[in-house]
Amino acid sequence: MFEVLKASTGYFWRLKGGNGETLCHSEVYTTKQSAERGAETAKRIAPSASVVDRT
């Protein structure tokens, strides 16, 4: 699930797995609406995102 949270300087989103662990999180946005849009964008593009091994 995606969660939108309040930070001391704005809002951010994080993606949590089924086991409750945080998988990733966003930058801090200045508005809650921007954080919500960021989460929606991440959700929309994730199925087509490639994995690049940069090791």
C-alpha atoms as a PDB file:
ATOM      1  CA  MET A   1       0.000   0.000   0.000  1.00  0.00           C
ATOM      2  CA  PHE A   2       0.998   3.609  -0.480  1.00  0.00           C
ATOM      3  CA  GLU A   3       0.825   5.877   2.556  1.00  0.00           C
ATOM      4  CA  VAL A   4       0.981   9.676   2.548  1.00  0.00           C
ATOM      5  CA  LEU A   5       2.612  11.060   5.678  1.00  0.00           C
ATOM      6  CA  LYS A   6       3.384  14.453   7.200  1.00  0.00           C
ATOM      7  CA  ALA A   7       7.039  15.406   7.561  1.00  0.00           C
ATOM      8  CA  SER A   8       8.401  18.379   9.464  1.00  0.00           C
ATOM      9  CA  THR A   9       8.870  20.277   6.187  1.00  0.00           C
ATOM     10  CA  GLY A  10       6.014  18.901   4.052  1.00  0.00           C
ATOM     11  CA  TYR A  11       4.585  15.550   2.959  1.00  0.00           C
ATOM     12  CA  PHE A  12       5.962  12.312   1.534  1.00  0.00           C
ATOM     13  CA  TRP A  13       4.719   8.918   0.462  1.00  0.00           C
ATOM     14  CA  ARG A  14       6.024   5.469   1.212  1.00  0.00           C
ATOM     15  CA  LEU A  15       5.268   2.070  -0.253  1.00  0.00           C
ATOM     16  CA  LYS A  16       4.784  -0.726   2.260  1.00  0.00           C
ATOM     17  CA  GLY A  17       4.847  -4.435   1.522  1.00  0.00           C
ATOM     18  CA  GLY A  18       2.321  -7.003   2.674  1.00  0.00           C
ATOM     19  CA  ASN A  19       4.500  -7.736   5.686  1.00  0.00           C
ATOM     20  CA  GLY A  20       4.367  -4.074   6.774  1.00  0.00           C
ATOM     21  CA  GLU A  21       7.954  -3.240   5.868  1.00  0.00           C
ATOM     22  CA  THR A  22       8.748  -0.039   3.973  1.00  0.00           C
ATOM     23  CA  LEU A  23       9.928  -0.853   0.456  1.00  0.00           C
ATOM     24  CA  CYS A  24      10.648   2.699  -0.679  1.00  0.00           C
ATOM     25  CA  HIS A  25       9.749   6.307   0.012  1.00  0.00           C
ATOM     26  CA  SER A  26       9.613   9.577  -1.849  1.00  0.00           C
ATOM     27  CA  GLU A  27      11.241  12.930  -1.536  1.00  0.00           C
ATOM     28  CA  VAL A  28       9.493  15.495   0.670  1.00  0.00           C
ATOM     29  CA  TYR A  29       6.865  17.513  -1.215  1.00  0.00           C
ATOM     30  CA  THR A  30       5.681  20.948  -0.154  1.00  0.00           C
ATOM     31  CA  THR A  31       1.981  20.049  -0.419  1.00  0.00           C
ATOM     32  CA  LYS A  32      -0.084  16.996   0.428  1.00  0.00           C
ATOM     33  CA  GLN A  33      -1.626  17.097  -3.046  1.00  0.00           C
ATOM     34  CA  SER A  34       1.840  16.847  -4.629  1.00  0.00           C
ATOM     35  CA  ALA A  35       2.695  13.830  -2.474  1.00  0.00           C
ATOM     36  CA  GLU A  36      -0.578  12.157  -3.441  1.00  0.00           C
ATOM     37  CA  ARG A  37       0.129  12.816  -7.139  1.00  0.00           C
ATOM     38  CA  GLY A  38       3.625  11.380  -6.717  1.00  0.00           C
ATOM     39  CA  ALA A  39       2.237   8.190  -5.185  1.00  0.00           C
ATOM     40  CA  GLU A  40      -0.306   7.865  -8.004  1.00  0.00           C
ATOM     41  CA  THR A  41       2.427   8.349 -10.596  1.00  0.00           C
ATOM     42  CA  ALA A  42       4.657   5.720  -8.963  1.00  0.00           C
ATOM     43  CA  LYS A  43       1.724   3.302  -8.843  1.00  0.00           C
ATOM     44  CA  ARG A  44       0.915   3.894 -12.499  1.00  0.00           C
ATOM     45  CA  ILE A  45       4.446   3.504 -13.902  1.00  0.00           C
ATOM     46  CA  ALA A  46       5.687   0.674 -11.639  1.00  0.00           C
ATOM     47  CA  PRO A  47       4.309  -2.191 -13.801  1.00  0.00           C
ATOM     48  CA  SER A  48       6.342  -1.033 -16.791  1.00  0.00           C
ATOM     49  CA  ALA A  49       9.491   0.057 -14.934  1.00  0.00           C
ATOM     50  CA  SER A  50      12.646  -1.843 -15.812  1.00  0.00           C
ATOM     51  CA  VAL A  51      15.231  -3.151 -13.354  1.00  0.00           C
ATOM     52  CA  VAL A  52      18.766  -1.951 -14.136  1.00  0.00           C
ATOM     53  CA  ASP A  53      21.701  -3.668 -12.435  1.00  0.00           C
ATOM     54  CA  ARG A  54      24.348  -1.003 -11.835  1.00  0.00           C
ATOM     55  CA  THR A  55      26.709  -3.123  -9.736  1.00  0.00           C
END
